[in-house]
Amino acid sequence: MSLTSANGMIELRSISYAYPDKTVALENLSLNIRRGEKIAVLGSNGAGKSTLFLILNGVYRITGGEIYFQGRKISYNKSDLLMMRQNTGIVFQDPETQIFSASVYEEISFGLENLGFDQGEIKTRVDEILRLLNITHIKDKPTHLLSYGEKKKVSIADILVMNPEVLIMDEPDACLDPAAVKNLVRLLDDLHAAGKTIVLSTQDVNLAYSWAERILVMKDGKLLKDASPPEVFADARVIGEASLELPLVFEMANTLKIQNHFPGEKAIQKNDLIDFIKKKL
């Protein structure tokens, strides 16, 4: 059994992963994902984020180290893989790679059909997810006629309907307009409030800073930093090594030298900064 804490979901112990051509994608990476966390993963293309996600979902098999899921060591037998994939859902960056059914309803219900759920349970679950994502009005729409934003929602619905404990999202904000990103953040917060553990990658440091409780910074398959948002962006060495920019709010606060006006490691948000400036005017 793992020695993880009681709320530990997934533990990676010094894992590595190399592709068949011997290219190393992850190297000696250790990580503990705890129940109910909101984690953002930052890093440039090629940092190993997508590879890490596919390992967490059991698609890729590690070439070194150990994985524990809810205290159980994963040996990659059929039972282990079924447990991982039922409890860890992954939403890919490009919805085109995930959607293949003719209609929205057929697409969302496919996984449940494949697992042998009865039609009553399938309808109940699908209808619930359609309402949650506010896409009931397109349930009979052909998937090839969906807008990009609609496809994003359907690809998320594909996973949510399976009711995984851990939701992994690979750059869910990619190619979305600002209004759609706000809607995405509201959805993520609702899912987190409902008890989901959420891990997402993003290129948007402002989103990572304002949304996440914990940030992982990756480069060349290695974990450079694992800390709270303020700690991560206060680390100039890591920011430089990972070629990250500072979030606008953090940079303004840093410039004004007001960090100490906010308690502990609390991430300074836009409204905090606005309120502080108003008091000083």
C-alpha atoms as a PDB file:
ATOM      1  CA  MET A   1       0.000   0.000   0.000  1.00  0.00           C
ATOM      2  CA  SER A   2       1.019   3.609  -0.579  1.00  0.00           C
ATOM      3  CA  LEU A   3       2.016   5.871   2.258  1.00  0.00           C
ATOM      4  CA  THR A   4       0.017   8.760   0.800  1.00  0.00           C
ATOM      5  CA  SER A   5      -2.287  10.774   3.020  1.00  0.00           C
ATOM      6  CA  ALA A   6      -5.916   9.788   3.403  1.00  0.00           C
ATOM      7  CA  ASN A   7      -7.022  12.316   0.801  1.00  0.00           C
ATOM      8  CA  GLY A   8      -4.393  11.260  -1.751  1.00  0.00           C
ATOM      9  CA  MET A   9      -5.805  10.306  -5.160  1.00  0.00           C
ATOM     10  CA  ILE A  10      -2.812   9.701  -7.407  1.00  0.00           C
ATOM     11  CA  GLU A  11       0.827   9.357  -6.435  1.00  0.00           C
ATOM     12  CA  LEU A  12       3.698   9.230  -8.909  1.00  0.00           C
ATOM     13  CA  ARG A  13       7.014   8.010  -7.530  1.00  0.00           C
ATOM     14  CA  SER A  14      10.069   8.895  -9.618  1.00  0.00           C
ATOM     15  CA  ILE A  15       8.303   7.998 -12.862  1.00  0.00           C
ATOM     16  CA  SER A  16       9.862   8.150 -16.306  1.00  0.00           C
ATOM     17  CA  TYR A  17       8.460   7.677 -19.775  1.00  0.00           C
ATOM     18  CA  ALA A  18      10.305   7.140 -23.048  1.00  0.00           C
ATOM     19  CA  TYR A  19       8.765   6.761 -26.486  1.00  0.00           C
ATOM     20  CA  PRO A  20       9.537   3.684 -28.617  1.00  0.00           C
ATOM     21  CA  ASP A  21      12.344   5.637 -30.366  1.00  0.00           C
ATOM     22  CA  LYS A  22      13.959   6.111 -26.888  1.00  0.00           C
ATOM     23  CA  THR A  23      13.069   9.808 -26.719  1.00  0.00           C
ATOM     24  CA  VAL A  24      12.626  10.645 -23.035  1.00  0.00           C
ATOM     25  CA  ALA A  25       9.370  12.540 -22.407  1.00  0.00           C
ATOM     26  CA  LEU A  26       9.296  12.410 -18.589  1.00  0.00           C
ATOM     27  CA  GLU A  27      12.217  11.895 -16.240  1.00  0.00           C
ATOM     28  CA  ASN A  28      12.250  11.079 -12.519  1.00  0.00           C
ATOM     29  CA  LEU A  29       8.978  12.893 -11.826  1.00  0.00           C
ATOM     30  CA  SER A  30       7.320  12.591  -8.415  1.00  0.00           C
ATOM     31  CA  LEU A  31       3.899  14.025  -7.684  1.00  0.00           C
ATOM     32  CA  ASN A  32       0.970  13.561  -5.308  1.00  0.00           C
ATOM     33  CA  ILE A  33      -2.471  14.687  -6.474  1.00  0.00           C
ATOM     34  CA  ARG A  34      -4.839  15.049  -3.543  1.00  0.00           C
ATOM     35  CA  ARG A  35      -8.600  14.814  -3.531  1.00  0.00           C
ATOM     36  CA  GLY A  36     -10.425  18.056  -4.331  1.00  0.00           C
ATOM     37  CA  GLU A  37      -7.424  20.014  -5.609  1.00  0.00           C
ATOM     38  CA  LYS A  38      -7.453  22.633  -8.388  1.00  0.00           C
ATOM     39  CA  ILE A  39      -4.125  22.219 -10.187  1.00  0.00           C
ATOM     40  CA  ALA A  40      -2.795  24.101 -13.208  1.00  0.00           C
ATOM     41  CA  VAL A  41       0.167  22.774 -15.197  1.00  0.00           C
ATOM     42  CA  LEU A  42       2.368  25.290 -16.992  1.00  0.00           C
ATOM     43  CA  GLY A  43       5.134  24.727 -19.511  1.00  0.00           C
ATOM     44  CA  SER A  44       5.978  25.288 -23.144  1.00  0.00           C
ATOM     45  CA  ASN A  45       5.214  22.806 -25.906  1.00  0.00           C
ATOM     46  CA  GLY A  46       7.327  19.710 -25.398  1.00  0.00           C
ATOM     47  CA  ALA A  47       7.490  20.153 -21.622  1.00  0.00           C
ATOM     48  CA  GLY A  48       5.753  16.801 -21.083  1.00  0.00           C
ATOM     49  CA  LYS A  49       2.305  18.011 -19.992  1.00  0.00           C
ATOM     50  CA  SER A  50       0.269  15.927 -22.447  1.00  0.00           C
ATOM     51  CA  THR A  51       2.420  12.857 -21.795  1.00  0.00           C
ATOM     52  CA  LEU A  52       1.857  13.254 -18.071  1.00  0.00           C
ATOM     53  CA  PHE A  53      -1.900  13.455 -18.623  1.00  0.00           C
ATOM     54  CA  LEU A  54      -1.965  10.303 -20.738  1.00  0.00           C
ATOM     55  CA  ILE A  55      -0.051   8.495 -18.007  1.00  0.00           C
ATOM     56  CA  LEU A  56      -2.521   9.666 -15.361  1.00  0.00           C
ATOM     57  CA  ASN A  57      -5.336   8.218 -17.473  1.00  0.00           C
ATOM     58  CA  GLY A  58      -3.528   4.919 -18.089  1.00  0.00           C
ATOM     59  CA  VAL A  59      -3.131   5.434 -21.844  1.00  0.00           C
ATOM     60  CA  TYR A  60       0.670   5.477 -21.598  1.00  0.00           C
ATOM     61  CA  ARG A  61       2.521   2.945 -19.465  1.00  0.00           C
ATOM     62  CA  ILE A  62       5.453   4.334 -17.496  1.00  0.00           C
ATOM     63  CA  THR A  63       8.911   3.009 -18.309  1.00  0.00           C
ATOM     64  CA  GLY A  64      10.257   3.653 -14.822  1.00  0.00           C
ATOM     65  CA  GLY A  65       9.037   4.359 -11.293  1.00  0.00           C
ATOM     66  CA  GLU A  66       5.701   3.539  -9.663  1.00  0.00           C
ATOM     67  CA  ILE A  67       2.117   4.820  -9.762  1.00  0.00           C
ATOM     68  CA  TYR A  68      -0.393   4.496  -6.945  1.00  0.00           C
ATOM     69  CA  PHE A  69      -4.083   5.209  -7.415  1.00  0.00           C
ATOM     70  CA  GLN A  70      -6.064   5.678  -4.186  1.00  0.00           C
ATOM     71  CA  GLY A  71      -3.345   3.742  -2.364  1.00  0.00           C
ATOM     72  CA  ARG A  72      -3.247   0.858  -4.849  1.00  0.00           C
ATOM     73  CA  LYS A  73      -0.090   0.231  -6.851  1.00  0.00           C
ATOM     74  CA  ILE A  74      -0.846   0.144 -10.554  1.00  0.00           C
ATOM     75  CA  SER A  75       0.455  -2.933 -12.362  1.00  0.00           C
ATOM     76  CA  TYR A  76      -1.343  -2.212 -15.666  1.00  0.00           C
ATOM     77  CA  ASN A  77      -3.475  -5.325 -15.619  1.00  0.00           C
ATOM     78  CA  LYS A  78      -7.031  -5.089 -16.938  1.00  0.00           C
ATOM     79  CA  SER A  79      -8.514  -4.372 -13.520  1.00  0.00           C
ATOM     80  CA  ASP A  80      -6.026  -1.576 -12.777  1.00  0.00           C
ATOM     81  CA  LEU A  81      -6.564   0.114 -16.121  1.00  0.00           C
ATOM     82  CA  LEU A  82     -10.342  -0.068 -15.796  1.00  0.00           C
ATOM     83  CA  MET A  83     -10.142   1.549 -12.355  1.00  0.00           C
ATOM     84  CA  MET A  84      -7.868   4.341 -13.608  1.00  0.00           C
ATOM     85  CA  ARG A  85      -9.977   5.131 -16.660  1.00  0.00           C
ATOM     86  CA  GLN A  86     -13.270   5.048 -14.797  1.00  0.00           C
ATOM     87  CA  ASN A  87     -11.982   7.418 -12.138  1.00  0.00           C
ATOM     88  CA  THR A  88      -9.753   9.677 -14.250  1.00  0.00           C
ATOM     89  CA  GLY A  89     -11.316  11.366 -17.268  1.00  0.00           C
ATOM     90  CA  ILE A  90      -9.252  13.285 -19.805  1.00  0.00           C
ATOM     91  CA  VAL A  91     -10.518  16.035 -22.122  1.00  0.00           C
ATOM     92  CA  PHE A  92      -8.154  16.562 -25.048  1.00  0.00           C
ATOM     93  CA  GLN A  93      -7.172  19.988 -26.353  1.00  0.00           C
ATOM     94  CA  ASP A  94      -8.708  19.448 -29.782  1.00  0.00           C
ATOM     95  CA  PRO A  95     -12.329  18.246 -29.561  1.00  0.00           C
ATOM     96  CA  GLU A  96     -12.087  16.916 -33.120  1.00  0.00           C
ATOM     97  CA  THR A  97      -9.919  14.063 -31.804  1.00  0.00           C
ATOM     98  CA  GLN A  98     -12.575  13.063 -29.274  1.00  0.00           C
ATOM     99  CA  ILE A  99     -15.923  13.438 -31.078  1.00  0.00           C
ATOM    100  CA  PHE A 100     -16.961  10.818 -33.614  1.00  0.00           C
ATOM    101  CA  SER A 101     -20.680  10.022 -33.174  1.00  0.00           C
ATOM    102  CA  ALA A 102     -23.368  11.367 -35.507  1.00  0.00           C
ATOM    103  CA  SER A 103     -25.357  13.434 -32.991  1.00  0.00           C
ATOM    104  CA  VAL A 104     -24.638  15.155 -29.691  1.00  0.00           C
ATOM    105  CA  TYR A 105     -26.839  12.774 -27.691  1.00  0.00           C
ATOM    106  CA  GLU A 106     -25.251   9.713 -29.298  1.00  0.00           C
ATOM    107  CA  GLU A 107     -21.799  11.136 -28.637  1.00  0.00           C
ATOM    108  CA  ILE A 108     -22.364  11.792 -24.939  1.00  0.00           C
ATOM    109  CA  SER A 109     -24.154   8.494 -24.346  1.00  0.00           C
ATOM    110  CA  PHE A 110     -21.574   6.356 -26.177  1.00  0.00           C
ATOM    111  CA  GLY A 111     -19.354   5.612 -23.164  1.00  0.00           C
ATOM    112  CA  LEU A 112     -22.286   4.584 -20.998  1.00  0.00           C
ATOM    113  CA  GLU A 113     -23.677   2.407 -23.796  1.00  0.00           C
ATOM    114  CA  ASN A 114     -20.293   0.742 -24.137  1.00  0.00           C
ATOM    115  CA  LEU A 115     -20.256  -0.079 -20.416  1.00  0.00           C
ATOM    116  CA  GLY A 116     -23.703  -1.641 -20.586  1.00  0.00           C
ATOM    117  CA  PHE A 117     -25.746   0.892 -18.600  1.00  0.00           C
ATOM    118  CA  ASP A 118     -29.505   0.545 -19.000  1.00  0.00           C
ATOM    119  CA  GLN A 119     -31.287   3.108 -21.157  1.00  0.00           C
ATOM    120  CA  GLY A 120     -33.051   4.778 -18.220  1.00  0.00           C
ATOM    121  CA  GLU A 121     -29.778   5.461 -16.415  1.00  0.00           C
ATOM    122  CA  ILE A 122     -28.154   6.641 -19.639  1.00  0.00           C
ATOM    123  CA  LYS A 123     -30.937   9.143 -20.339  1.00  0.00           C
ATOM    124  CA  THR A 124     -30.864  10.449 -16.767  1.00  0.00           C
ATOM    125  CA  ARG A 125     -27.100  10.973 -16.824  1.00  0.00           C
ATOM    126  CA  VAL A 126     -26.973  12.507 -20.289  1.00  0.00           C
ATOM    127  CA  ASP A 127     -29.861  14.888 -19.591  1.00  0.00           C
ATOM    128  CA  GLU A 128     -28.158  15.993 -16.358  1.00  0.00           C
ATOM    129  CA  ILE A 129     -24.899  16.768 -18.148  1.00  0.00           C
ATOM    130  CA  LEU A 130     -26.710  18.562 -20.989  1.00  0.00           C
ATOM    131  CA  ARG A 131     -28.356  20.843 -18.417  1.00  0.00           C
ATOM    132  CA  LEU A 132     -25.102  21.373 -16.512  1.00  0.00           C
ATOM    133  CA  LEU A 133     -23.300  22.539 -19.647  1.00  0.00           C
ATOM    134  CA  ASN A 134     -26.330  24.417 -20.987  1.00  0.00           C
ATOM    135  CA  ILE A 135     -26.382  22.457 -24.254  1.00  0.00           C
ATOM    136  CA  THR A 136     -29.778  20.735 -24.043  1.00  0.00           C
ATOM    137  CA  HIS A 137     -30.889  22.715 -27.093  1.00  0.00           C
ATOM    138  CA  ILE A 138     -28.280  20.982 -29.294  1.00  0.00           C
ATOM    139  CA  LYS A 139     -28.729  17.396 -28.075  1.00  0.00           C
ATOM    140  CA  ASP A 140     -30.105  16.243 -31.455  1.00  0.00           C
ATOM    141  CA  LYS A 141     -27.749  18.355 -33.556  1.00  0.00           C
ATOM    142  CA  PRO A 142     -25.310  16.567 -35.895  1.00  0.00           C
ATOM    143  CA  THR A 143     -21.834  16.834 -34.417  1.00  0.00           C
ATOM    144  CA  HIS A 144     -20.310  17.951 -37.722  1.00  0.00           C
ATOM    145  CA  LEU A 145     -22.490  21.090 -37.610  1.00  0.00           C
ATOM    146  CA  LEU A 146     -21.335  22.177 -34.157  1.00  0.00           C
ATOM    147  CA  SER A 147     -19.331  25.347 -33.626  1.00  0.00           C
ATOM    148  CA  TYR A 148     -15.875  25.006 -32.080  1.00  0.00           C
ATOM    149  CA  GLY A 149     -17.171  26.185 -28.702  1.00  0.00           C
ATOM    150  CA  GLU A 150     -20.025  23.678 -28.850  1.00  0.00           C
ATOM    151  CA  LYS A 151     -17.591  20.881 -29.675  1.00  0.00           C
ATOM    152  CA  LYS A 152     -15.521  21.868 -26.647  1.00  0.00           C
ATOM    153  CA  LYS A 153     -18.575  21.538 -24.416  1.00  0.00           C
ATOM    154  CA  VAL A 154     -19.565  18.201 -25.939  1.00  0.00           C
ATOM    155  CA  SER A 155     -16.058  16.824 -25.447  1.00  0.00           C
ATOM    156  CA  ILE A 156     -16.253  17.850 -21.780  1.00  0.00           C
ATOM    157  CA  ALA A 157     -19.726  16.278 -21.532  1.00  0.00           C
ATOM    158  CA  ASP A 158     -18.282  13.016 -22.934  1.00  0.00           C
ATOM    159  CA  ILE A 159     -16.115  12.763 -19.839  1.00  0.00           C
ATOM    160  CA  LEU A 160     -18.394  14.250 -17.191  1.00  0.00           C
ATOM    161  CA  VAL A 161     -21.188  11.801 -17.979  1.00  0.00           C
ATOM    162  CA  MET A 162     -18.860   9.002 -16.841  1.00  0.00           C
ATOM    163  CA  ASN A 163     -18.642  10.725 -13.428  1.00  0.00           C
ATOM    164  CA  PRO A 164     -14.857  10.504 -12.924  1.00  0.00           C
ATOM    165  CA  GLU A 165     -13.372  11.610  -9.609  1.00  0.00           C
ATOM    166  CA  VAL A 166     -10.445  13.310 -11.352  1.00  0.00           C
ATOM    167  CA  LEU A 167     -10.981  15.554 -14.375  1.00  0.00           C
ATOM    168  CA  ILE A 168      -7.900  16.190 -16.530  1.00  0.00           C
ATOM    169  CA  MET A 169      -8.105  18.895 -19.187  1.00  0.00           C
ATOM    170  CA  ASP A 170      -5.416  19.586 -21.792  1.00  0.00           C
ATOM    171  CA  GLU A 171      -5.538  23.341 -22.547  1.00  0.00           C
ATOM    172  CA  PRO A 172      -9.341  23.628 -22.335  1.00  0.00           C
ATOM    173  CA  ASP A 173      -9.119  27.395 -22.928  1.00  0.00           C
ATOM    174  CA  ALA A 174      -7.266  27.052 -26.257  1.00  0.00           C
ATOM    175  CA  CYS A 175      -8.986  28.948 -29.124  1.00  0.00           C
ATOM    176  CA  LEU A 176     -11.806  30.175 -26.873  1.00  0.00           C
ATOM    177  CA  ASP A 177     -12.854  33.832 -26.793  1.00  0.00           C
ATOM    178  CA  PRO A 178     -12.820  35.732 -23.449  1.00  0.00           C
ATOM    179  CA  ALA A 179     -16.537  35.163 -22.822  1.00  0.00           C
ATOM    180  CA  ALA A 180     -16.160  31.430 -23.400  1.00  0.00           C
ATOM    181  CA  VAL A 181     -13.177  31.308 -21.034  1.00  0.00           C
ATOM    182  CA  LYS A 182     -15.252  32.987 -18.318  1.00  0.00           C
ATOM    183  CA  ASN A 183     -17.960  30.371 -18.836  1.00  0.00           C
ATOM    184  CA  LEU A 184     -15.316  27.648 -18.659  1.00  0.00           C
ATOM    185  CA  VAL A 185     -13.992  28.990 -15.347  1.00  0.00           C
ATOM    186  CA  ARG A 186     -17.510  29.078 -13.904  1.00  0.00           C
ATOM    187  CA  LEU A 187     -18.004  25.461 -14.982  1.00  0.00           C
ATOM    188  CA  LEU A 188     -14.697  24.416 -13.435  1.00  0.00           C
ATOM    189  CA  ASP A 189     -15.613  26.110 -10.178  1.00  0.00           C
ATOM    190  CA  ASP A 190     -19.014  24.389 -10.158  1.00  0.00           C
ATOM    191  CA  LEU A 191     -17.375  21.011 -10.775  1.00  0.00           C
ATOM    192  CA  HIS A 192     -14.839  21.641  -8.041  1.00  0.00           C
ATOM    193  CA  ALA A 193     -17.617  22.648  -5.637  1.00  0.00           C
ATOM    194  CA  ALA A 194     -19.303  19.334  -6.485  1.00  0.00           C
ATOM    195  CA  GLY A 195     -16.194  17.479  -5.306  1.00  0.00           C
ATOM    196  CA  LYS A 196     -14.182  16.972  -8.496  1.00  0.00           C
ATOM    197  CA  THR A 197     -10.394  17.012  -8.483  1.00  0.00           C
ATOM    198  CA  ILE A 198      -9.330  19.089 -11.492  1.00  0.00           C
ATOM    199  CA  VAL A 199      -5.973  19.173 -13.256  1.00  0.00           C
ATOM    200  CA  LEU A 200      -5.607  21.360 -16.334  1.00  0.00           C
ATOM    201  CA  SER A 201      -2.800  22.594 -18.527  1.00  0.00           C
ATOM    202  CA  THR A 202      -2.850  26.067 -19.993  1.00  0.00           C
ATOM    203  CA  GLN A 203      -0.610  28.595 -21.714  1.00  0.00           C
ATOM    204  CA  ASP A 204      -2.467  31.425 -19.945  1.00  0.00           C
ATOM    205  CA  VAL A 205      -0.569  32.408 -16.800  1.00  0.00           C
ATOM    206  CA  ASN A 206      -3.391  34.790 -15.826  1.00  0.00           C
ATOM    207  CA  LEU A 207      -5.888  31.901 -15.804  1.00  0.00           C
ATOM    208  CA  ALA A 208      -3.493  29.661 -13.873  1.00  0.00           C
ATOM    209  CA  TYR A 209      -2.811  32.363 -11.288  1.00  0.00           C
ATOM    210  CA  SER A 210      -6.436  33.352 -10.712  1.00  0.00           C
ATOM    211  CA  TRP A 211      -8.006  29.872 -10.795  1.00  0.00           C
ATOM    212  CA  ALA A 212      -5.545  27.308  -9.438  1.00  0.00           C
ATOM    213  CA  GLU A 213      -4.731  26.520  -5.820  1.00  0.00           C
ATOM    214  CA  ARG A 214      -1.525  24.787  -6.893  1.00  0.00           C
ATOM    215  CA  ILE A 215       0.685  25.161  -9.965  1.00  0.00           C
ATOM    216  CA  LEU A 216       3.088  22.652 -11.494  1.00  0.00           C
ATOM    217  CA  VAL A 217       5.772  24.071 -13.774  1.00  0.00           C
ATOM    218  CA  MET A 218       7.321  21.630 -16.245  1.00  0.00           C
ATOM    219  CA  LYS A 219      10.225  21.780 -18.675  1.00  0.00           C
ATOM    220  CA  ASP A 220      11.818  19.030 -20.771  1.00  0.00           C
ATOM    221  CA  GLY A 221       9.917  16.309 -18.943  1.00  0.00           C
ATOM    222  CA  LYS A 222      10.939  17.473 -15.488  1.00  0.00           C
ATOM    223  CA  LEU A 223       8.991  19.152 -12.702  1.00  0.00           C
ATOM    224  CA  LEU A 224      10.650  22.497 -11.985  1.00  0.00           C
ATOM    225  CA  LYS A 225       8.245  23.775  -9.346  1.00  0.00           C
ATOM    226  CA  ASP A 226       5.223  22.563  -7.385  1.00  0.00           C
ATOM    227  CA  ALA A 227       3.772  25.318  -5.212  1.00  0.00           C
ATOM    228  CA  SER A 228       0.987  27.847  -4.671  1.00  0.00           C
ATOM    229  CA  PRO A 229       0.514  30.505  -7.405  1.00  0.00           C
ATOM    230  CA  PRO A 230       2.218  33.313  -5.441  1.00  0.00           C
ATOM    231  CA  GLU A 231       5.192  31.078  -4.636  1.00  0.00           C
ATOM    232  CA  VAL A 232       5.559  29.969  -8.249  1.00  0.00           C
ATOM    233  CA  PHE A 233       5.509  33.467  -9.744  1.00  0.00           C
ATOM    234  CA  ALA A 234       7.789  34.864  -7.047  1.00  0.00           C
ATOM    235  CA  ASP A 235      10.479  32.383  -8.135  1.00  0.00           C
ATOM    236  CA  ALA A 236      12.405  34.332 -10.766  1.00  0.00           C
ATOM    237  CA  ARG A 237      14.698  31.413 -11.562  1.00  0.00           C
ATOM    238  CA  VAL A 238      11.803  29.078 -12.418  1.00  0.00           C
ATOM    239  CA  ILE A 239       9.931  31.763 -14.357  1.00  0.00           C
ATOM    240  CA  GLY A 240      13.023  32.431 -16.441  1.00  0.00           C
ATOM    241  CA  GLU A 241      13.941  28.776 -16.942  1.00  0.00           C
ATOM    242  CA  ALA A 242      10.405  27.881 -18.043  1.00  0.00           C
ATOM    243  CA  SER A 243      10.115  31.037 -20.204  1.00  0.00           C
ATOM    244  CA  LEU A 244       6.916  32.104 -18.456  1.00  0.00           C
ATOM    245  CA  GLU A 245       5.488  35.595 -18.189  1.00  0.00           C
ATOM    246  CA  LEU A 246       4.165  37.011 -14.942  1.00  0.00           C
ATOM    247  CA  PRO A 247       0.386  37.336 -14.524  1.00  0.00           C
ATOM    248  CA  LEU A 248      -0.670  40.959 -15.003  1.00  0.00           C
ATOM    249  CA  VAL A 249      -2.174  41.329 -11.524  1.00  0.00           C
ATOM    250  CA  PHE A 250       0.858  39.763  -9.858  1.00  0.00           C
ATOM    251  CA  GLU A 251       3.246  41.955 -11.855  1.00  0.00           C
ATOM    252  CA  MET A 252       1.334  45.136 -10.984  1.00  0.00           C
ATOM    253  CA  ALA A 253       1.215  44.183  -7.323  1.00  0.00           C
ATOM    254  CA  ASN A 254       4.911  43.393  -7.384  1.00  0.00           C
ATOM    255  CA  THR A 255       5.696  46.719  -9.014  1.00  0.00           C
ATOM    256  CA  LEU A 256       3.669  48.592  -6.397  1.00  0.00           C
ATOM    257  CA  LYS A 257       5.345  46.547  -3.651  1.00  0.00           C
ATOM    258  CA  ILE A 258       2.079  45.750  -1.926  1.00  0.00           C
ATOM    259  CA  GLN A 259       2.306  41.966  -1.565  1.00  0.00           C
ATOM    260  CA  ASN A 260       2.587  42.238   2.199  1.00  0.00           C
ATOM    261  CA  HIS A 261      -0.819  43.876   2.369  1.00  0.00           C
ATOM    262  CA  PHE A 262      -2.387  40.509   1.597  1.00  0.00           C
ATOM    263  CA  PRO A 263      -2.402  37.605   4.057  1.00  0.00           C
ATOM    264  CA  GLY A 264      -0.175  34.532   3.718  1.00  0.00           C
ATOM    265  CA  GLU A 265       0.034  32.888   0.329  1.00  0.00           C
ATOM    266  CA  LYS A 266      -3.322  34.196  -0.899  1.00  0.00           C
ATOM    267  CA  ALA A 267      -3.228  34.899  -4.626  1.00  0.00           C
ATOM    268  CA  ILE A 268      -3.778  38.625  -5.173  1.00  0.00           C
ATOM    269  CA  GLN A 269      -6.760  38.934  -7.502  1.00  0.00           C
ATOM    270  CA  LYS A 270      -7.939  41.789  -9.714  1.00  0.00           C
ATOM    271  CA  ASN A 271     -10.581  42.977  -7.260  1.00  0.00           C
ATOM    272  CA  ASP A 272      -8.036  42.964  -4.419  1.00  0.00           C
ATOM    273  CA  LEU A 273      -5.744  45.197  -6.436  1.00  0.00           C
ATOM    274  CA  ILE A 274      -8.547  47.550  -7.509  1.00  0.00           C
ATOM    275  CA  ASP A 275      -9.770  47.900  -3.917  1.00  0.00           C
ATOM    276  CA  PHE A 276      -6.254  48.605  -2.676  1.00  0.00           C
ATOM    277  CA  ILE A 277      -5.636  51.281  -5.306  1.00  0.00           C
ATOM    278  CA  LYS A 278      -9.000  52.951  -4.586  1.00  0.00           C
ATOM    279  CA  LYS A 279      -8.108  53.196  -0.910  1.00  0.00           C
ATOM    280  CA  LYS A 280      -4.802  54.858  -1.792  1.00  0.00           C
ATOM    281  CA  LEU A 281      -6.256  57.414  -4.221  1.00  0.00           C
END
